[in-house]
Amino acid sequence: MRDFRADQADLFDRVADRYDERVPFFRTLGRQLVEWADLGQDDAVLDIGAGRGAVSLAALEQMAESGTVQAIDVSPRMVALVNALGVPRLFATQMDAHVLCFEDNRFDMTLAGFVFTLLRDQTAVMAEVHRVLKPGASLCVSIPGPSEVDGGWWERYGEIYADFQTRLGVTVEPHTDDKDEPWEELAMRAGLCLVDERSVPTEVPLGDPGEHWDWLMSHGNSWLYDALEPGDAEQFRGAVMRSFVTHHPTGGRSIIVAPVFLRFTKTDIS
């Protein structure tokens, strides 16, 4: 069966111009990740899966004028939009995180906001991060967390999503078996050590449920809506809108999440 999410570059190219524009979700969580990461003032930072630059821009705000950020993303359009900002000390390059085109021991910190769960091979990316980090440096990532904080709405949304996927004759499976392994084991194989973990419950207010739907369609979730036949797509939207009424604590008038922040350090293993 075809995986409609397989071409991540094409998917994120299509959503790039509306990504994080109306609702500052990734900017909010990006700022929180950077504050938690506790950057050094002179750090050379690598931002993996930079998107529109939410994490990169927050990192620059935290550092002195000698600090720099190298942003990478698989989407050419995302990279172009970041470069168009013309921000000093921010350099954006199209690149696959599985093959980092940087020399060994270059970066003081690597950041990755909500990208690791989308990667084809997390262990391979961690191994590349280990290579380009300086000894003792850290990788700090944010990943989706448990849905309990939203009263079970994300679980209900997942059920709706899976139901409409079946209309395409496609089931999206993890790219590799490593996605079922504990993070500490994945990291250990790459020479990284999990040293800190924190849940960060966050609520981003919205004007109305329609804004919530628009936000869902402004990032990776949009692939399913775009792939469905028009009638099925409208039924999908209707089911999600009804779920705000029946399952969402604020009726869809806020985004409620509890992401997890993970910190890994580079060990002496190579």
C-alpha atoms as a PDB file:
ATOM      1  CA  MET A   1       0.000   0.000   0.000  1.00  0.00           C
ATOM      2  CA  ARG A   2       1.120   3.523  -0.717  1.00  0.00           C
ATOM      3  CA  ASP A   3       2.207   5.737   2.203  1.00  0.00           C
ATOM      4  CA  PHE A   4       0.854   9.190   1.308  1.00  0.00           C
ATOM      5  CA  ARG A   5       3.252  10.756   3.851  1.00  0.00           C
ATOM      6  CA  ALA A   6       6.346   9.182   2.306  1.00  0.00           C
ATOM      7  CA  ASP A   7       7.489  12.353   0.529  1.00  0.00           C
ATOM      8  CA  GLN A   8       7.954  14.637   3.519  1.00  0.00           C
ATOM      9  CA  ALA A   9       9.583  17.344   1.411  1.00  0.00           C
ATOM     10  CA  ASP A  10       6.547  17.620  -0.872  1.00  0.00           C
ATOM     11  CA  LEU A  11       4.106  17.525   2.043  1.00  0.00           C
ATOM     12  CA  PHE A  12       5.794  20.330   3.958  1.00  0.00           C
ATOM     13  CA  ASP A  13       6.419  22.351   0.804  1.00  0.00           C
ATOM     14  CA  ARG A  14       2.642  22.428   0.305  1.00  0.00           C
ATOM     15  CA  VAL A  15       1.876  23.658   3.825  1.00  0.00           C
ATOM     16  CA  ALA A  16       4.916  25.932   4.267  1.00  0.00           C
ATOM     17  CA  ASP A  17       3.214  29.239   3.458  1.00  0.00           C
ATOM     18  CA  ARG A  18       0.525  28.760   6.119  1.00  0.00           C
ATOM     19  CA  TYR A  19       2.645  26.801   8.623  1.00  0.00           C
ATOM     20  CA  ASP A  20       2.465  28.322  12.137  1.00  0.00           C
ATOM     21  CA  GLU A  21       1.177  31.612  10.725  1.00  0.00           C
ATOM     22  CA  ARG A  22      -2.320  32.088  12.189  1.00  0.00           C
ATOM     23  CA  VAL A  23      -1.774  30.106  15.397  1.00  0.00           C
ATOM     24  CA  PRO A  24       1.668  30.452  17.038  1.00  0.00           C
ATOM     25  CA  PHE A  25       1.737  26.842  18.245  1.00  0.00           C
ATOM     26  CA  PHE A  26       5.230  25.840  17.148  1.00  0.00           C
ATOM     27  CA  ARG A  27       6.594  29.248  18.121  1.00  0.00           C
ATOM     28  CA  THR A  28       5.173  28.832  21.628  1.00  0.00           C
ATOM     29  CA  LEU A  29       6.561  25.319  22.083  1.00  0.00           C
ATOM     30  CA  GLY A  30       9.814  26.237  20.341  1.00  0.00           C
ATOM     31  CA  ARG A  31      10.445  29.031  22.824  1.00  0.00           C
ATOM     32  CA  GLN A  32       9.731  26.671  25.711  1.00  0.00           C
ATOM     33  CA  LEU A  33      12.143  24.065  24.325  1.00  0.00           C
ATOM     34  CA  VAL A  34      14.916  26.627  23.922  1.00  0.00           C
ATOM     35  CA  GLU A  35      14.438  27.982  27.440  1.00  0.00           C
ATOM     36  CA  TRP A  36      14.594  24.450  28.827  1.00  0.00           C
ATOM     37  CA  ALA A  37      17.672  23.586  26.738  1.00  0.00           C
ATOM     38  CA  ASP A  38      19.622  26.410  28.443  1.00  0.00           C
ATOM     39  CA  LEU A  39      21.917  27.413  25.599  1.00  0.00           C
ATOM     40  CA  GLY A  40      25.369  28.863  26.082  1.00  0.00           C
ATOM     41  CA  GLN A  41      25.781  32.449  24.968  1.00  0.00           C
ATOM     42  CA  ASP A  42      28.361  31.573  22.297  1.00  0.00           C
ATOM     43  CA  ASP A  43      26.896  28.256  21.155  1.00  0.00           C
ATOM     44  CA  ALA A  44      26.914  26.942  17.614  1.00  0.00           C
ATOM     45  CA  VAL A  45      23.418  25.414  17.365  1.00  0.00           C
ATOM     46  CA  LEU A  46      21.976  22.936  14.866  1.00  0.00           C
ATOM     47  CA  ASP A  47      18.177  23.039  14.435  1.00  0.00           C
ATOM     48  CA  ILE A  48      16.838  19.853  12.783  1.00  0.00           C
ATOM     49  CA  GLY A  49      13.459  20.092  11.047  1.00  0.00           C
ATOM     50  CA  ALA A  50      13.463  23.859  11.429  1.00  0.00           C
ATOM     51  CA  GLY A  51      10.192  24.556   9.615  1.00  0.00           C
ATOM     52  CA  ARG A  52       9.539  28.312   9.553  1.00  0.00           C
ATOM     53  CA  GLY A  53      12.261  28.880  12.163  1.00  0.00           C
ATOM     54  CA  ALA A  54      10.333  28.746  15.445  1.00  0.00           C
ATOM     55  CA  VAL A  55      13.157  27.070  17.370  1.00  0.00           C
ATOM     56  CA  SER A  56      15.964  28.815  15.475  1.00  0.00           C
ATOM     57  CA  LEU A  57      14.650  32.312  16.154  1.00  0.00           C
ATOM     58  CA  ALA A  58      14.032  31.550  19.818  1.00  0.00           C
ATOM     59  CA  ALA A  59      17.589  30.221  20.114  1.00  0.00           C
ATOM     60  CA  LEU A  60      19.086  33.390  18.658  1.00  0.00           C
ATOM     61  CA  GLU A  61      17.108  35.471  21.148  1.00  0.00           C
ATOM     62  CA  GLN A  62      18.701  33.500  23.992  1.00  0.00           C
ATOM     63  CA  MET A  63      22.308  33.861  22.821  1.00  0.00           C
ATOM     64  CA  ALA A  64      24.848  36.632  22.482  1.00  0.00           C
ATOM     65  CA  GLU A  65      25.876  38.069  19.111  1.00  0.00           C
ATOM     66  CA  SER A  66      28.593  35.416  18.859  1.00  0.00           C
ATOM     67  CA  GLY A  67      26.040  32.576  18.878  1.00  0.00           C
ATOM     68  CA  THR A  68      24.916  31.066  15.572  1.00  0.00           C
ATOM     69  CA  VAL A  69      22.148  28.762  14.357  1.00  0.00           C
ATOM     70  CA  GLN A  70      22.370  26.371  11.422  1.00  0.00           C
ATOM     71  CA  ALA A  71      18.809  25.397  10.477  1.00  0.00           C
ATOM     72  CA  ILE A  72      18.063  22.406   8.260  1.00  0.00           C
ATOM     73  CA  ASP A  73      14.826  21.119   6.789  1.00  0.00           C
ATOM     74  CA  VAL A  74      13.943  18.596   4.090  1.00  0.00           C
ATOM     75  CA  SER A  75      11.471  21.075   2.552  1.00  0.00           C
ATOM     76  CA  PRO A  76      12.994  23.556   0.070  1.00  0.00           C
ATOM     77  CA  ARG A  77      10.111  25.977   0.616  1.00  0.00           C
ATOM     78  CA  MET A  78      10.581  26.002   4.397  1.00  0.00           C
ATOM     79  CA  VAL A  79      14.286  26.729   3.907  1.00  0.00           C
ATOM     80  CA  ALA A  80      13.551  29.534   1.448  1.00  0.00           C
ATOM     81  CA  LEU A  81      11.124  31.176   3.880  1.00  0.00           C
ATOM     82  CA  VAL A  82      13.660  31.045   6.717  1.00  0.00           C
ATOM     83  CA  ASN A  83      16.402  32.523   4.534  1.00  0.00           C
ATOM     84  CA  ALA A  84      13.998  35.229   3.338  1.00  0.00           C
ATOM     85  CA  LEU A  85      13.804  36.518   6.919  1.00  0.00           C
ATOM     86  CA  GLY A  86      17.341  37.841   6.515  1.00  0.00           C
ATOM     87  CA  VAL A  87      18.167  37.265  10.178  1.00  0.00           C
ATOM     88  CA  PRO A  88      21.878  37.644  11.003  1.00  0.00           C
ATOM     89  CA  ARG A  89      23.601  34.515  12.361  1.00  0.00           C
ATOM     90  CA  LEU A  90      20.794  32.259  11.073  1.00  0.00           C
ATOM     91  CA  PHE A  91      21.722  30.000   8.161  1.00  0.00           C
ATOM     92  CA  ALA A  92      19.166  27.641   6.606  1.00  0.00           C
ATOM     93  CA  THR A  93      19.973  24.720   4.304  1.00  0.00           C
ATOM     94  CA  GLN A  94      17.876  21.994   2.707  1.00  0.00           C
ATOM     95  CA  MET A  95      19.171  18.726   4.118  1.00  0.00           C
ATOM     96  CA  ASP A  96      18.108  15.217   5.087  1.00  0.00           C
ATOM     97  CA  ALA A  97      18.764  14.720   8.805  1.00  0.00           C
ATOM     98  CA  HIS A  98      19.800  11.123   8.114  1.00  0.00           C
ATOM     99  CA  VAL A  99      22.914  12.400   6.309  1.00  0.00           C
ATOM    100  CA  LEU A 100      24.199  15.594   7.930  1.00  0.00           C
ATOM    101  CA  CYS A 101      26.648  17.430   5.693  1.00  0.00           C
ATOM    102  CA  PHE A 102      28.736  18.877   8.515  1.00  0.00           C
ATOM    103  CA  GLU A 103      32.151  18.056   9.921  1.00  0.00           C
ATOM    104  CA  ASP A 104      32.611  16.072  13.136  1.00  0.00           C
ATOM    105  CA  ASN A 105      32.412  17.826  16.527  1.00  0.00           C
ATOM    106  CA  ARG A 106      31.002  21.075  15.128  1.00  0.00           C
ATOM    107  CA  PHE A 107      27.977  21.951  17.277  1.00  0.00           C
ATOM    108  CA  ASP A 108      27.504  22.837  20.954  1.00  0.00           C
ATOM    109  CA  MET A 109      23.788  21.993  20.877  1.00  0.00           C
ATOM    110  CA  THR A 110      21.314  20.285  18.560  1.00  0.00           C
ATOM    111  CA  LEU A 111      17.608  21.114  18.839  1.00  0.00           C
ATOM    112  CA  ALA A 112      14.687  19.304  17.194  1.00  0.00           C
ATOM    113  CA  GLY A 113      11.110  20.478  17.668  1.00  0.00           C
ATOM    114  CA  PHE A 114       8.423  17.860  16.902  1.00  0.00           C
ATOM    115  CA  VAL A 115      10.408  16.164  14.156  1.00  0.00           C
ATOM    116  CA  PHE A 116      11.870  12.965  15.607  1.00  0.00           C
ATOM    117  CA  THR A 117       8.601  11.026  15.452  1.00  0.00           C
ATOM    118  CA  LEU A 118       8.428  11.794  11.703  1.00  0.00           C
ATOM    119  CA  LEU A 119      11.889  10.457  10.905  1.00  0.00           C
ATOM    120  CA  ARG A 120      12.376   7.321   8.840  1.00  0.00           C
ATOM    121  CA  ASP A 121      15.239   6.014  11.030  1.00  0.00           C
ATOM    122  CA  GLN A 122      15.610   7.710  14.406  1.00  0.00           C
ATOM    123  CA  THR A 123      18.726   5.755  15.374  1.00  0.00           C
ATOM    124  CA  ALA A 124      20.529   6.785  12.179  1.00  0.00           C
ATOM    125  CA  VAL A 125      19.728  10.444  12.812  1.00  0.00           C
ATOM    126  CA  MET A 126      20.895  10.180  16.412  1.00  0.00           C
ATOM    127  CA  ALA A 127      24.160   8.645  15.202  1.00  0.00           C
ATOM    128  CA  GLU A 128      24.640  11.586  12.834  1.00  0.00           C
ATOM    129  CA  VAL A 129      23.841  14.033  15.643  1.00  0.00           C
ATOM    130  CA  HIS A 130      26.389  12.260  17.849  1.00  0.00           C
ATOM    131  CA  ARG A 131      28.995  12.714  15.123  1.00  0.00           C
ATOM    132  CA  VAL A 132      28.478  16.456  14.659  1.00  0.00           C
ATOM    133  CA  LEU A 133      28.115  17.316  18.358  1.00  0.00           C
ATOM    134  CA  LYS A 134      31.138  18.329  20.395  1.00  0.00           C
ATOM    135  CA  PRO A 135      32.073  15.983  23.288  1.00  0.00           C
ATOM    136  CA  GLY A 136      29.670  16.451  26.180  1.00  0.00           C
ATOM    137  CA  ALA A 137      27.227  18.507  24.079  1.00  0.00           C
ATOM    138  CA  SER A 138      23.465  17.897  24.045  1.00  0.00           C
ATOM    139  CA  LEU A 139      20.557  17.048  21.788  1.00  0.00           C
ATOM    140  CA  CYS A 140      17.258  18.494  23.068  1.00  0.00           C
ATOM    141  CA  VAL A 141      14.023  17.419  21.388  1.00  0.00           C
ATOM    142  CA  SER A 142      10.280  17.839  21.814  1.00  0.00           C
ATOM    143  CA  ILE A 143       7.905  14.999  20.996  1.00  0.00           C
ATOM    144  CA  PRO A 144       4.121  14.564  21.329  1.00  0.00           C
ATOM    145  CA  GLY A 145       3.139  13.478  24.810  1.00  0.00           C
ATOM    146  CA  PRO A 146       0.194  11.646  26.391  1.00  0.00           C
ATOM    147  CA  SER A 147      -3.286  12.947  25.606  1.00  0.00           C
ATOM    148  CA  GLU A 148      -4.733  12.780  29.120  1.00  0.00           C
ATOM    149  CA  VAL A 149      -4.498  16.541  29.574  1.00  0.00           C
ATOM    150  CA  ASP A 150      -7.086  17.133  26.845  1.00  0.00           C
ATOM    151  CA  GLY A 151      -9.738  14.818  28.259  1.00  0.00           C
ATOM    152  CA  GLY A 152      -9.068  12.239  25.545  1.00  0.00           C
ATOM    153  CA  TRP A 153      -9.717  14.449  22.511  1.00  0.00           C
ATOM    154  CA  TRP A 154      -6.445  13.603  20.759  1.00  0.00           C
ATOM    155  CA  GLU A 155      -7.272   9.922  21.141  1.00  0.00           C
ATOM    156  CA  ARG A 156     -10.682  10.540  19.556  1.00  0.00           C
ATOM    157  CA  TYR A 157      -9.058  12.528  16.763  1.00  0.00           C
ATOM    158  CA  GLY A 158      -6.706   9.595  16.131  1.00  0.00           C
ATOM    159  CA  GLU A 159      -9.687   7.263  15.812  1.00  0.00           C
ATOM    160  CA  ILE A 160     -11.338   9.551  13.261  1.00  0.00           C
ATOM    161  CA  TYR A 161      -8.062   9.861  11.373  1.00  0.00           C
ATOM    162  CA  ALA A 162      -7.580   6.094  11.240  1.00  0.00           C
ATOM    163  CA  ASP A 163     -11.163   5.550  10.084  1.00  0.00           C
ATOM    164  CA  PHE A 164     -10.748   7.889   7.107  1.00  0.00           C
ATOM    165  CA  GLN A 165      -7.351   6.429   6.255  1.00  0.00           C
ATOM    166  CA  THR A 166      -9.096   3.153   5.513  1.00  0.00           C
ATOM    167  CA  ARG A 167     -11.047   4.898   2.740  1.00  0.00           C
ATOM    168  CA  LEU A 168      -7.726   5.350   0.938  1.00  0.00           C
ATOM    169  CA  GLY A 169      -6.777   1.716   1.336  1.00  0.00           C
ATOM    170  CA  VAL A 170      -3.686   2.847   3.240  1.00  0.00           C
ATOM    171  CA  THR A 171      -2.426   2.289   6.741  1.00  0.00           C
ATOM    172  CA  VAL A 172       0.506   4.457   7.785  1.00  0.00           C
ATOM    173  CA  GLU A 173       3.009   2.347   9.655  1.00  0.00           C
ATOM    174  CA  PRO A 174       6.240   3.407  11.355  1.00  0.00           C
ATOM    175  CA  HIS A 175       9.146   3.380   8.907  1.00  0.00           C
ATOM    176  CA  THR A 176      11.306   1.210  11.192  1.00  0.00           C
ATOM    177  CA  ASP A 177      10.856  -0.988  14.230  1.00  0.00           C
ATOM    178  CA  ASP A 178      12.902   1.388  16.380  1.00  0.00           C
ATOM    179  CA  LYS A 179       9.839   3.592  16.978  1.00  0.00           C
ATOM    180  CA  ASP A 180       8.590   1.065  19.522  1.00  0.00           C
ATOM    181  CA  GLU A 181      11.848   1.063  21.485  1.00  0.00           C
ATOM    182  CA  PRO A 182      12.503   3.216  24.568  1.00  0.00           C
ATOM    183  CA  TRP A 183      14.272   6.463  23.791  1.00  0.00           C
ATOM    184  CA  GLU A 184      17.187   5.626  26.081  1.00  0.00           C
ATOM    185  CA  GLU A 185      17.901   2.428  24.128  1.00  0.00           C
ATOM    186  CA  LEU A 186      17.727   4.193  20.758  1.00  0.00           C
ATOM    187  CA  ALA A 187      20.071   6.878  22.020  1.00  0.00           C
ATOM    188  CA  MET A 188      22.513   4.444  23.585  1.00  0.00           C
ATOM    189  CA  ARG A 189      23.082   2.693  20.263  1.00  0.00           C
ATOM    190  CA  ALA A 190      24.030   6.062  18.764  1.00  0.00           C
ATOM    191  CA  GLY A 191      26.401   7.036  21.575  1.00  0.00           C
ATOM    192  CA  LEU A 192      23.949   9.374  23.276  1.00  0.00           C
ATOM    193  CA  CYS A 193      22.670   9.174  26.844  1.00  0.00           C
ATOM    194  CA  LEU A 194      19.179  10.276  27.959  1.00  0.00           C
ATOM    195  CA  VAL A 195      19.797  12.536  30.965  1.00  0.00           C
ATOM    196  CA  ASP A 196      16.565  14.499  31.434  1.00  0.00           C
ATOM    197  CA  GLU A 197      12.875  14.245  30.554  1.00  0.00           C
ATOM    198  CA  ARG A 198      10.037  16.649  31.233  1.00  0.00           C
ATOM    199  CA  SER A 199       6.334  16.843  30.383  1.00  0.00           C
ATOM    200  CA  VAL A 200       5.205  20.355  29.445  1.00  0.00           C
ATOM    201  CA  PRO A 201       1.389  20.747  29.522  1.00  0.00           C
ATOM    202  CA  THR A 202       0.498  23.677  27.262  1.00  0.00           C
ATOM    203  CA  GLU A 203      -2.721  25.351  26.128  1.00  0.00           C
ATOM    204  CA  VAL A 204      -2.807  27.733  23.157  1.00  0.00           C
ATOM    205  CA  PRO A 205      -6.063  29.740  22.979  1.00  0.00           C
ATOM    206  CA  LEU A 206      -8.018  29.989  19.722  1.00  0.00           C
ATOM    207  CA  GLY A 207     -10.860  32.138  18.492  1.00  0.00           C
ATOM    208  CA  ASP A 208     -13.208  29.296  17.567  1.00  0.00           C
ATOM    209  CA  PRO A 209     -13.250  25.593  16.543  1.00  0.00           C
ATOM    210  CA  GLY A 210     -12.809  26.562  12.896  1.00  0.00           C
ATOM    211  CA  GLU A 211      -9.438  28.037  13.779  1.00  0.00           C
ATOM    212  CA  HIS A 212      -8.532  24.728  15.396  1.00  0.00           C
ATOM    213  CA  TRP A 213      -9.365  22.907  12.171  1.00  0.00           C
ATOM    214  CA  ASP A 214      -7.341  25.407  10.143  1.00  0.00           C
ATOM    215  CA  TRP A 215      -4.386  24.803  12.447  1.00  0.00           C
ATOM    216  CA  LEU A 216      -4.653  21.044  11.997  1.00  0.00           C
ATOM    217  CA  MET A 217      -4.556  21.545   8.244  1.00  0.00           C
ATOM    218  CA  SER A 218      -1.542  23.866   8.419  1.00  0.00           C
ATOM    219  CA  HIS A 219       1.009  21.092   9.067  1.00  0.00           C
ATOM    220  CA  GLY A 220       1.495  17.357   8.503  1.00  0.00           C
ATOM    221  CA  ASN A 221      -2.108  16.414   9.320  1.00  0.00           C
ATOM    222  CA  SER A 222      -3.207  17.903   6.012  1.00  0.00           C
ATOM    223  CA  TRP A 223      -1.923  14.982   3.931  1.00  0.00           C
ATOM    224  CA  LEU A 224      -5.018  12.904   4.677  1.00  0.00           C
ATOM    225  CA  TYR A 225      -7.520  15.652   3.873  1.00  0.00           C
ATOM    226  CA  ASP A 226      -5.683  16.396   0.616  1.00  0.00           C
ATOM    227  CA  ALA A 227      -5.595  12.699  -0.364  1.00  0.00           C
ATOM    228  CA  LEU A 228      -9.307  11.993   0.229  1.00  0.00           C
ATOM    229  CA  GLU A 229     -11.977  12.312  -2.427  1.00  0.00           C
ATOM    230  CA  PRO A 230     -13.854  15.645  -2.018  1.00  0.00           C
ATOM    231  CA  GLY A 231     -16.909  14.061  -0.419  1.00  0.00           C
ATOM    232  CA  ASP A 232     -14.841  12.021   2.017  1.00  0.00           C
ATOM    233  CA  ALA A 233     -12.702  15.058   2.817  1.00  0.00           C
ATOM    234  CA  GLU A 234     -15.753  17.066   3.849  1.00  0.00           C
ATOM    235  CA  GLN A 235     -17.014  14.140   5.946  1.00  0.00           C
ATOM    236  CA  PHE A 236     -13.589  14.019   7.616  1.00  0.00           C
ATOM    237  CA  ARG A 237     -13.803  17.711   8.452  1.00  0.00           C
ATOM    238  CA  GLY A 238     -17.350  17.280   9.756  1.00  0.00           C
ATOM    239  CA  ALA A 239     -16.349  14.395  12.015  1.00  0.00           C
ATOM    240  CA  VAL A 240     -13.485  16.405  13.479  1.00  0.00           C
ATOM    241  CA  MET A 241     -15.686  19.466  14.048  1.00  0.00           C
ATOM    242  CA  ARG A 242     -18.281  17.322  15.840  1.00  0.00           C
ATOM    243  CA  SER A 243     -15.541  15.844  18.018  1.00  0.00           C
ATOM    244  CA  PHE A 244     -14.772  19.317  19.357  1.00  0.00           C
ATOM    245  CA  VAL A 245     -18.326  19.464  20.701  1.00  0.00           C
ATOM    246  CA  THR A 246     -18.429  15.928  22.091  1.00  0.00           C
ATOM    247  CA  HIS A 247     -14.877  15.364  23.336  1.00  0.00           C
ATOM    248  CA  HIS A 248     -12.835  18.563  23.608  1.00  0.00           C
ATOM    249  CA  PRO A 249     -12.648  20.287  27.040  1.00  0.00           C
ATOM    250  CA  THR A 250     -12.946  23.790  25.537  1.00  0.00           C
ATOM    251  CA  GLY A 251     -15.121  22.896  22.564  1.00  0.00           C
ATOM    252  CA  GLY A 252     -12.133  23.225  20.260  1.00  0.00           C
ATOM    253  CA  ARG A 253     -11.356  26.792  21.345  1.00  0.00           C
ATOM    254  CA  SER A 254      -7.806  25.934  22.385  1.00  0.00           C
ATOM    255  CA  ILE A 255      -5.022  23.537  21.466  1.00  0.00           C
ATOM    256  CA  ILE A 256      -4.278  21.393  24.521  1.00  0.00           C
ATOM    257  CA  VAL A 257      -1.115  19.300  24.471  1.00  0.00           C
ATOM    258  CA  ALA A 258       1.447  17.842  26.856  1.00  0.00           C
ATOM    259  CA  PRO A 259       4.652  17.468  24.832  1.00  0.00           C
ATOM    260  CA  VAL A 260       7.665  15.760  26.319  1.00  0.00           C
ATOM    261  CA  PHE A 261      11.101  17.370  26.257  1.00  0.00           C
ATOM    262  CA  LEU A 262      14.073  14.979  26.139  1.00  0.00           C
ATOM    263  CA  ARG A 263      17.739  15.842  26.671  1.00  0.00           C
ATOM    264  CA  PHE A 264      20.513  13.552  25.432  1.00  0.00           C
ATOM    265  CA  THR A 265      24.236  14.115  25.884  1.00  0.00           C
ATOM    266  CA  LYS A 266      27.103  12.897  23.738  1.00  0.00           C
ATOM    267  CA  THR A 267      29.045  10.157  25.476  1.00  0.00           C
ATOM    268  CA  ASP A 268      32.528   8.890  24.707  1.00  0.00           C
ATOM    269  CA  ILE A 269      31.084   6.046  22.613  1.00  0.00           C
ATOM    270  CA  SER A 270      31.829   6.480  18.904  1.00  0.00           C
END
